[in-house]
Amino acid sequence: MAGRKVVATNRKARYDFEILDTIECGMVLSGSEVKSLREAQVQLKDAYADIRDGEVWLERVHIAPYSFALGGGHDPERPRKLLLHRREIDRLVGKVNEVGLTLVPLQIYFTDGKAKVELALAKGRRTYDKRQKIRERMERREMDRAKRRR
């Protein structure tokens, strides 16, 4: 995509969850957080989004403090508000209230100078589902190798 610079990717999310739908959201950040994001000092490993009081909050995202910030910078683990339209939030509330669905961030990236989050509506995978997914991937690789040999 033109003008899209990916800063962080949650690779484990696609393994642990079955992605049903994705949505792009903006984030409310302080200046030192933006500087740290531009340096790719962020981790999405255990991150998730929560809906409280009609607002969507990004939890457990670690944005490292910017080393040159005055006054110590920001709290690296603070909850960050996500910017969505009301109808999008209402749709997500309805879906999250279903059993087993959660909101998981897949990527943080910059588009036209603005920090965005790709948020996924996901359903948790069980251990046997993960093993079956790995098995399918291995079979697909072996079929591709056999095609190349012929």
N, C-alpha and C. Protein backbone atom coordinates (compact mmCIF):
# COMPACT_ATOMS: atom_id res chain seq x y z
N MET A 1 0.84 -1.19 0.00
CA MET A 1 0.00 0.00 0.00
C MET A 1 0.88 1.25 0.00
N ALA A 2 0.49 2.21 -0.77
CA ALA A 2 1.25 3.45 -0.84
C ALA A 2 1.00 4.29 0.41
N GLY A 3 2.09 4.83 0.97
CA GLY A 3 1.95 5.70 2.13
C GLY A 3 1.71 4.99 3.44
N ARG A 4 1.94 3.70 3.49
CA ARG A 4 1.71 2.94 4.73
C ARG A 4 3.03 2.37 5.22
N LYS A 5 3.46 2.84 6.40
CA LYS A 5 4.72 2.37 7.00
C LYS A 5 4.39 1.57 8.25
N VAL A 6 4.57 0.26 8.18
CA VAL A 6 4.25 -0.62 9.30
C VAL A 6 5.33 -0.49 10.36
N VAL A 7 4.91 -0.24 11.60
CA VAL A 7 5.82 -0.06 12.73
C VAL A 7 5.94 -1.34 13.55
N ALA A 8 4.80 -1.99 13.82
CA ALA A 8 4.80 -3.21 14.64
C ALA A 8 3.71 -4.15 14.15
N THR A 9 3.98 -5.44 14.24
CA THR A 9 3.02 -6.46 13.83
C THR A 9 2.87 -7.47 14.95
N ASN A 10 1.64 -7.87 15.20
CA ASN A 10 1.35 -8.89 16.21
C ASN A 10 1.24 -10.23 15.49
N ARG A 11 2.38 -10.89 15.28
CA ARG A 11 2.41 -12.14 14.53
C ARG A 11 1.71 -13.27 15.26
N LYS A 12 1.77 -13.26 16.57
CA LYS A 12 1.17 -14.32 17.37
C LYS A 12 -0.37 -14.29 17.29
N ALA A 13 -0.94 -13.13 16.99
CA ALA A 13 -2.40 -13.01 16.95
C ALA A 13 -3.00 -13.91 15.86
N ARG A 14 -2.37 -13.98 14.71
CA ARG A 14 -2.91 -14.80 13.62
C ARG A 14 -2.77 -16.30 13.94
N TYR A 15 -1.85 -16.64 14.83
CA TYR A 15 -1.69 -18.02 15.25
C TYR A 15 -2.68 -18.39 16.35
N ASP A 16 -2.87 -17.50 17.32
CA ASP A 16 -3.73 -17.78 18.47
C ASP A 16 -5.21 -17.55 18.20
N PHE A 17 -5.53 -16.74 17.19
CA PHE A 17 -6.92 -16.36 16.95
C PHE A 17 -7.29 -16.60 15.49
N GLU A 18 -8.58 -16.84 15.28
CA GLU A 18 -9.14 -16.89 13.93
C GLU A 18 -9.71 -15.50 13.66
N ILE A 19 -9.17 -14.80 12.67
CA ILE A 19 -9.54 -13.43 12.37
C ILE A 19 -10.84 -13.43 11.56
N LEU A 20 -11.86 -12.76 12.09
CA LEU A 20 -13.16 -12.71 11.42
C LEU A 20 -13.35 -11.41 10.64
N ASP A 21 -12.85 -10.29 11.19
CA ASP A 21 -13.06 -8.99 10.57
C ASP A 21 -11.95 -8.05 11.03
N THR A 22 -11.59 -7.07 10.21
CA THR A 22 -10.59 -6.08 10.62
C THR A 22 -11.15 -4.68 10.42
N ILE A 23 -10.61 -3.73 11.20
CA ILE A 23 -11.04 -2.35 11.12
C ILE A 23 -9.84 -1.46 11.43
N GLU A 24 -9.76 -0.31 10.77
CA GLU A 24 -8.67 0.63 11.00
C GLU A 24 -9.13 1.71 11.96
N CYS A 25 -8.31 2.00 12.98
CA CYS A 25 -8.66 3.04 13.96
C CYS A 25 -7.46 3.96 14.17
N GLY A 26 -7.77 5.18 14.57
CA GLY A 26 -6.74 6.11 14.98
C GLY A 26 -6.46 5.92 16.46
N MET A 27 -5.38 6.56 16.95
CA MET A 27 -5.02 6.46 18.37
C MET A 27 -4.79 7.84 18.93
N VAL A 28 -5.14 8.02 20.21
CA VAL A 28 -4.83 9.26 20.92
C VAL A 28 -3.48 9.04 21.60
N LEU A 29 -2.46 9.80 21.16
CA LEU A 29 -1.10 9.62 21.66
C LEU A 29 -0.51 10.94 22.10
N SER A 30 0.48 10.87 22.97
CA SER A 30 1.25 12.06 23.33
C SER A 30 2.42 12.17 22.35
N GLY A 31 3.12 13.30 22.39
CA GLY A 31 4.21 13.54 21.46
C GLY A 31 5.35 12.55 21.59
N SER A 32 5.71 12.21 22.83
CA SER A 32 6.82 11.28 23.03
C SER A 32 6.44 9.87 22.57
N GLU A 33 5.16 9.53 22.63
CA GLU A 33 4.72 8.22 22.14
C GLU A 33 4.85 8.13 20.63
N VAL A 34 4.52 9.22 19.95
CA VAL A 34 4.65 9.24 18.49
C VAL A 34 6.11 9.09 18.09
N LYS A 35 7.00 9.79 18.81
CA LYS A 35 8.43 9.68 18.51
C LYS A 35 8.92 8.25 18.72
N SER A 36 8.48 7.59 19.78
CA SER A 36 8.87 6.20 20.02
C SER A 36 8.31 5.27 18.95
N LEU A 37 7.07 5.54 18.51
CA LEU A 37 6.49 4.72 17.44
C LEU A 37 7.29 4.86 16.15
N ARG A 38 7.72 6.07 15.84
CA ARG A 38 8.51 6.28 14.62
C ARG A 38 9.83 5.53 14.67
N GLU A 39 10.34 5.29 15.88
CA GLU A 39 11.57 4.50 16.05
C GLU A 39 11.25 3.01 16.21
N ALA A 40 9.99 2.62 16.06
CA ALA A 40 9.52 1.23 16.18
C ALA A 40 9.81 0.64 17.55
N GLN A 41 9.66 1.44 18.60
CA GLN A 41 9.87 0.99 19.98
C GLN A 41 8.54 0.59 20.60
N VAL A 42 7.88 -0.42 20.04
CA VAL A 42 6.56 -0.83 20.50
C VAL A 42 6.45 -2.35 20.45
N GLN A 43 5.66 -2.92 21.40
CA GLN A 43 5.40 -4.35 21.44
C GLN A 43 3.90 -4.59 21.55
N LEU A 44 3.38 -5.49 20.72
CA LEU A 44 1.96 -5.82 20.70
C LEU A 44 1.67 -7.23 21.21
N LYS A 45 2.64 -7.86 21.84
CA LYS A 45 2.55 -9.29 22.15
C LYS A 45 1.26 -9.69 22.88
N ASP A 46 0.95 -9.08 24.01
CA ASP A 46 -0.24 -9.46 24.78
C ASP A 46 -1.33 -8.41 24.71
N ALA A 47 -1.32 -7.59 23.69
CA ALA A 47 -2.26 -6.47 23.60
C ALA A 47 -3.67 -6.93 23.22
N TYR A 48 -4.64 -6.14 23.67
CA TYR A 48 -6.04 -6.36 23.32
C TYR A 48 -6.76 -5.03 23.42
N ALA A 49 -7.97 -4.97 22.88
CA ALA A 49 -8.79 -3.76 22.99
C ALA A 49 -10.00 -4.07 23.85
N ASP A 50 -10.42 -3.06 24.61
CA ASP A 50 -11.54 -3.21 25.54
C ASP A 50 -12.53 -2.08 25.28
N ILE A 51 -13.82 -2.38 25.42
CA ILE A 51 -14.84 -1.35 25.23
C ILE A 51 -15.40 -1.00 26.60
N ARG A 52 -15.20 0.30 27.00
CA ARG A 52 -15.68 0.79 28.29
C ARG A 52 -16.39 2.11 28.08
N ASP A 53 -17.56 2.24 28.63
CA ASP A 53 -18.33 3.49 28.60
C ASP A 53 -18.49 4.02 27.18
N GLY A 54 -18.70 3.14 26.23
CA GLY A 54 -18.92 3.56 24.86
C GLY A 54 -17.67 4.02 24.13
N GLU A 55 -16.49 3.72 24.68
CA GLU A 55 -15.22 4.07 24.05
C GLU A 55 -14.36 2.81 23.95
N VAL A 56 -13.49 2.78 22.95
CA VAL A 56 -12.60 1.64 22.75
C VAL A 56 -11.21 2.02 23.24
N TRP A 57 -10.63 1.17 24.10
CA TRP A 57 -9.31 1.43 24.69
C TRP A 57 -8.36 0.30 24.32
N LEU A 58 -7.15 0.66 23.97
CA LEU A 58 -6.10 -0.31 23.66
C LEU A 58 -5.29 -0.56 24.93
N GLU A 59 -5.26 -1.81 25.36
CA GLU A 59 -4.61 -2.20 26.62
C GLU A 59 -3.35 -3.02 26.36
N ARG A 60 -2.40 -2.94 27.30
CA ARG A 60 -1.18 -3.75 27.31
C ARG A 60 -0.28 -3.57 26.09
N VAL A 61 -0.35 -2.43 25.45
CA VAL A 61 0.60 -2.11 24.38
C VAL A 61 1.76 -1.38 25.04
N HIS A 62 2.95 -1.90 24.84
CA HIS A 62 4.13 -1.29 25.45
C HIS A 62 4.82 -0.39 24.43
N ILE A 63 4.74 0.92 24.64
CA ILE A 63 5.47 1.89 23.82
C ILE A 63 6.58 2.42 24.71
N ALA A 64 7.82 2.10 24.35
CA ALA A 64 8.97 2.47 25.18
C ALA A 64 9.07 3.99 25.31
N PRO A 65 9.49 4.49 26.46
CA PRO A 65 9.66 5.94 26.63
C PRO A 65 10.71 6.48 25.64
N TYR A 66 10.44 7.65 25.11
CA TYR A 66 11.35 8.30 24.18
C TYR A 66 12.54 8.83 24.98
N SER A 67 13.74 8.50 24.55
CA SER A 67 14.93 8.80 25.34
C SER A 67 15.21 10.30 25.48
N PHE A 68 14.78 11.12 24.52
CA PHE A 68 15.07 12.56 24.55
C PHE A 68 13.90 13.39 25.08
N ALA A 69 12.85 12.75 25.59
CA ALA A 69 11.67 13.49 26.07
C ALA A 69 11.99 14.21 27.38
N LEU A 70 11.49 15.42 27.47
CA LEU A 70 11.66 16.19 28.71
C LEU A 70 10.67 15.72 29.75
N GLY A 71 11.05 15.73 31.00
CA GLY A 71 10.13 15.35 32.07
C GLY A 71 9.86 13.87 32.14
N GLY A 72 10.69 13.05 31.54
CA GLY A 72 10.53 11.60 31.66
C GLY A 72 9.66 10.97 30.61
N GLY A 73 8.96 11.74 29.79
CA GLY A 73 8.15 11.15 28.73
C GLY A 73 6.79 10.68 29.20
N HIS A 74 6.42 9.46 28.85
CA HIS A 74 5.09 8.92 29.10
C HIS A 74 5.17 7.58 29.83
N ASP A 75 4.01 7.14 30.34
CA ASP A 75 3.90 5.82 30.95
C ASP A 75 3.82 4.78 29.82
N PRO A 76 4.75 3.83 29.75
CA PRO A 76 4.78 2.92 28.61
C PRO A 76 3.59 1.97 28.51
N GLU A 77 2.93 1.66 29.61
CA GLU A 77 1.85 0.67 29.60
C GLU A 77 0.45 1.29 29.73
N ARG A 78 0.32 2.59 29.60
CA ARG A 78 -0.98 3.21 29.83
C ARG A 78 -2.00 2.81 28.76
N PRO A 79 -3.30 2.74 29.14
CA PRO A 79 -4.33 2.47 28.14
C PRO A 79 -4.44 3.65 27.17
N ARG A 80 -4.62 3.35 25.88
CA ARG A 80 -4.71 4.39 24.86
C ARG A 80 -6.07 4.33 24.20
N LYS A 81 -6.69 5.48 24.07
CA LYS A 81 -8.02 5.56 23.47
C LYS A 81 -7.92 5.41 21.96
N LEU A 82 -8.83 4.62 21.39
CA LEU A 82 -8.88 4.45 19.94
C LEU A 82 -10.01 5.29 19.37
N LEU A 83 -9.80 5.83 18.19
CA LEU A 83 -10.75 6.73 17.56
C LEU A 83 -11.55 5.98 16.50
N LEU A 84 -12.84 5.84 16.77
CA LEU A 84 -13.77 5.16 15.86
C LEU A 84 -15.07 5.95 15.79
N HIS A 85 -15.82 5.77 14.71
CA HIS A 85 -17.15 6.37 14.62
C HIS A 85 -18.10 5.62 15.55
N ARG A 86 -19.13 6.30 15.99
CA ARG A 86 -20.09 5.72 16.93
C ARG A 86 -20.71 4.45 16.37
N ARG A 87 -21.09 4.44 15.10
CA ARG A 87 -21.74 3.25 14.53
C ARG A 87 -20.77 2.07 14.48
N GLU A 88 -19.47 2.34 14.29
CA GLU A 88 -18.47 1.27 14.31
C GLU A 88 -18.34 0.69 15.72
N ILE A 89 -18.34 1.56 16.72
CA ILE A 89 -18.24 1.11 18.11
C ILE A 89 -19.47 0.27 18.48
N ASP A 90 -20.66 0.74 18.08
CA ASP A 90 -21.88 -0.01 18.38
C ASP A 90 -21.88 -1.38 17.72
N ARG A 91 -21.36 -1.46 16.50
CA ARG A 91 -21.28 -2.74 15.80
C ARG A 91 -20.30 -3.68 16.53
N LEU A 92 -19.17 -3.13 16.98
CA LEU A 92 -18.20 -3.94 17.71
C LEU A 92 -18.74 -4.42 19.05
N VAL A 93 -19.49 -3.56 19.74
CA VAL A 93 -20.09 -3.95 21.03
C VAL A 93 -21.00 -5.15 20.82
N GLY A 94 -21.82 -5.11 19.77
CA GLY A 94 -22.72 -6.23 19.48
C GLY A 94 -21.97 -7.52 19.20
N LYS A 95 -20.88 -7.41 18.46
CA LYS A 95 -20.12 -8.60 18.10
C LYS A 95 -19.32 -9.15 19.29
N VAL A 96 -18.73 -8.25 20.10
CA VAL A 96 -17.91 -8.69 21.23
C VAL A 96 -18.77 -9.35 22.31
N ASN A 97 -20.02 -8.96 22.40
CA ASN A 97 -20.91 -9.57 23.38
C ASN A 97 -21.23 -11.03 23.05
N GLU A 98 -20.97 -11.45 21.79
CA GLU A 98 -21.10 -12.86 21.44
C GLU A 98 -20.00 -13.63 22.19
N VAL A 99 -20.26 -14.88 22.45
CA VAL A 99 -19.32 -15.69 23.23
C VAL A 99 -18.04 -15.95 22.44
N GLY A 100 -16.90 -15.71 23.08
CA GLY A 100 -15.62 -16.08 22.50
C GLY A 100 -15.00 -15.08 21.55
N LEU A 101 -15.61 -13.92 21.32
CA LEU A 101 -15.03 -12.94 20.40
C LEU A 101 -14.29 -11.86 21.19
N THR A 102 -13.17 -11.41 20.65
CA THR A 102 -12.36 -10.39 21.30
C THR A 102 -11.78 -9.46 20.25
N LEU A 103 -11.28 -8.32 20.69
CA LEU A 103 -10.63 -7.35 19.80
C LEU A 103 -9.12 -7.42 20.01
N VAL A 104 -8.39 -7.69 18.95
CA VAL A 104 -6.94 -7.88 19.02
C VAL A 104 -6.27 -6.96 18.00
N PRO A 105 -5.26 -6.18 18.40
CA PRO A 105 -4.54 -5.37 17.42
C PRO A 105 -3.60 -6.24 16.60
N LEU A 106 -3.64 -6.06 15.28
CA LEU A 106 -2.77 -6.82 14.39
C LEU A 106 -1.52 -6.04 14.01
N GLN A 107 -1.69 -4.74 13.75
CA GLN A 107 -0.56 -3.91 13.31
C GLN A 107 -0.72 -2.50 13.83
N ILE A 108 0.40 -1.82 14.00
CA ILE A 108 0.42 -0.38 14.19
C ILE A 108 1.24 0.17 13.03
N TYR A 109 0.71 1.18 12.37
CA TYR A 109 1.39 1.74 11.20
C TYR A 109 1.07 3.22 11.06
N PHE A 110 1.81 3.88 10.19
CA PHE A 110 1.58 5.29 9.89
C PHE A 110 1.00 5.40 8.49
N THR A 111 -0.07 6.17 8.37
CA THR A 111 -0.67 6.49 7.08
C THR A 111 -0.78 8.00 7.00
N ASP A 112 -0.11 8.59 6.04
CA ASP A 112 -0.11 10.05 5.86
C ASP A 112 0.29 10.77 7.15
N GLY A 113 1.24 10.22 7.88
CA GLY A 113 1.75 10.86 9.09
C GLY A 113 0.93 10.62 10.34
N LYS A 114 -0.16 9.87 10.25
CA LYS A 114 -1.01 9.59 11.41
C LYS A 114 -0.86 8.14 11.82
N ALA A 115 -0.74 7.91 13.13
CA ALA A 115 -0.59 6.54 13.66
C ALA A 115 -1.95 5.86 13.64
N LYS A 116 -1.99 4.67 13.10
CA LYS A 116 -3.23 3.89 13.00
C LYS A 116 -2.99 2.50 13.57
N VAL A 117 -4.09 1.86 13.98
CA VAL A 117 -4.05 0.48 14.47
C VAL A 117 -5.01 -0.33 13.62
N GLU A 118 -4.56 -1.51 13.17
CA GLU A 118 -5.46 -2.44 12.52
C GLU A 118 -5.98 -3.37 13.60
N LEU A 119 -7.26 -3.22 13.91
CA LEU A 119 -7.90 -3.97 14.98
C LEU A 119 -8.70 -5.12 14.38
N ALA A 120 -8.59 -6.30 14.95
CA ALA A 120 -9.28 -7.48 14.41
C ALA A 120 -10.31 -7.98 15.40
N LEU A 121 -11.45 -8.34 14.87
CA LEU A 121 -12.46 -9.05 15.64
C LEU A 121 -12.10 -10.53 15.49
N ALA A 122 -11.75 -11.18 16.58
CA ALA A 122 -11.16 -12.52 16.50
C ALA A 122 -11.83 -13.48 17.46
N LYS A 123 -11.72 -14.75 17.11
CA LYS A 123 -12.22 -15.83 17.95
C LYS A 123 -11.03 -16.68 18.34
N GLY A 124 -10.89 -17.00 19.62
CA GLY A 124 -9.75 -17.78 20.10
C GLY A 124 -9.71 -19.18 19.52
N ARG A 125 -8.50 -19.62 19.20
CA ARG A 125 -8.31 -20.97 18.68
C ARG A 125 -7.94 -21.91 19.81
N ARG A 126 -8.41 -23.12 19.71
CA ARG A 126 -8.04 -24.13 20.69
C ARG A 126 -6.73 -24.78 20.24
N THR A 127 -6.11 -25.51 21.12
CA THR A 127 -4.81 -26.12 20.84
C THR A 127 -4.89 -27.06 19.64
N TYR A 128 -5.94 -27.88 19.55
CA TYR A 128 -6.02 -28.81 18.43
C TYR A 128 -6.25 -28.08 17.12
N ASP A 129 -6.92 -26.92 17.15
CA ASP A 129 -7.08 -26.13 15.94
C ASP A 129 -5.72 -25.61 15.47
N LYS A 130 -4.87 -25.20 16.41
CA LYS A 130 -3.54 -24.70 16.06
C LYS A 130 -2.71 -25.80 15.42
N ARG A 131 -2.79 -27.00 16.01
CA ARG A 131 -2.02 -28.13 15.45
C ARG A 131 -2.51 -28.47 14.05
N GLN A 132 -3.82 -28.43 13.85
CA GLN A 132 -4.36 -28.75 12.53
C GLN A 132 -3.93 -27.70 11.51
N LYS A 133 -3.89 -26.43 11.91
CA LYS A 133 -3.44 -25.36 11.02
C LYS A 133 -1.98 -25.58 10.61
N ILE A 134 -1.13 -25.97 11.57
CA ILE A 134 0.27 -26.26 11.27
C ILE A 134 0.37 -27.44 10.31
N ARG A 135 -0.41 -28.48 10.55
CA ARG A 135 -0.40 -29.66 9.69
C ARG A 135 -0.80 -29.30 8.26
N GLU A 136 -1.85 -28.48 8.10
CA GLU A 136 -2.29 -28.05 6.76
C GLU A 136 -1.19 -27.27 6.06
N ARG A 137 -0.51 -26.39 6.79
CA ARG A 137 0.56 -25.59 6.20
C ARG A 137 1.71 -26.48 5.73
N MET A 138 2.06 -27.49 6.54
CA MET A 138 3.13 -28.42 6.15
C MET A 138 2.74 -29.21 4.90
N GLU A 139 1.49 -29.68 4.84
CA GLU A 139 1.03 -30.42 3.67
C GLU A 139 1.06 -29.56 2.42
N ARG A 140 0.66 -28.31 2.56
CA ARG A 140 0.67 -27.38 1.42
C ARG A 140 2.09 -27.16 0.91
N ARG A 141 3.05 -27.02 1.84
CA ARG A 141 4.45 -26.85 1.46
C ARG A 141 4.98 -28.07 0.71
N GLU A 142 4.64 -29.26 1.22
CA GLU A 142 5.11 -30.48 0.57
C GLU A 142 4.51 -30.64 -0.81
N MET A 143 3.25 -30.25 -1.00
CA MET A 143 2.62 -30.32 -2.32
C MET A 143 3.31 -29.34 -3.27
N ASP A 144 3.65 -28.15 -2.78
CA ASP A 144 4.35 -27.17 -3.63
C ASP A 144 5.73 -27.68 -4.02
N ARG A 145 6.43 -28.32 -3.09
CA ARG A 145 7.75 -28.88 -3.40
C ARG A 145 7.63 -29.97 -4.47
N ALA A 146 6.62 -30.82 -4.34
CA ALA A 146 6.43 -31.90 -5.32
C ALA A 146 6.12 -31.32 -6.70
N LYS A 147 5.36 -30.24 -6.77
CA LYS A 147 5.05 -29.60 -8.05
C LYS A 147 6.31 -29.04 -8.69
N ARG A 148 7.17 -28.43 -7.85
CA ARG A 148 8.40 -27.84 -8.40
C ARG A 148 9.35 -28.90 -8.93
N ARG A 149 9.36 -30.06 -8.30
CA ARG A 149 10.27 -31.13 -8.75
C ARG A 149 9.88 -31.69 -10.11
N ARG A 150 8.62 -31.69 -10.43
CA ARG A 150 8.14 -32.28 -11.69
C ARG A 150 8.40 -31.43 -12.88
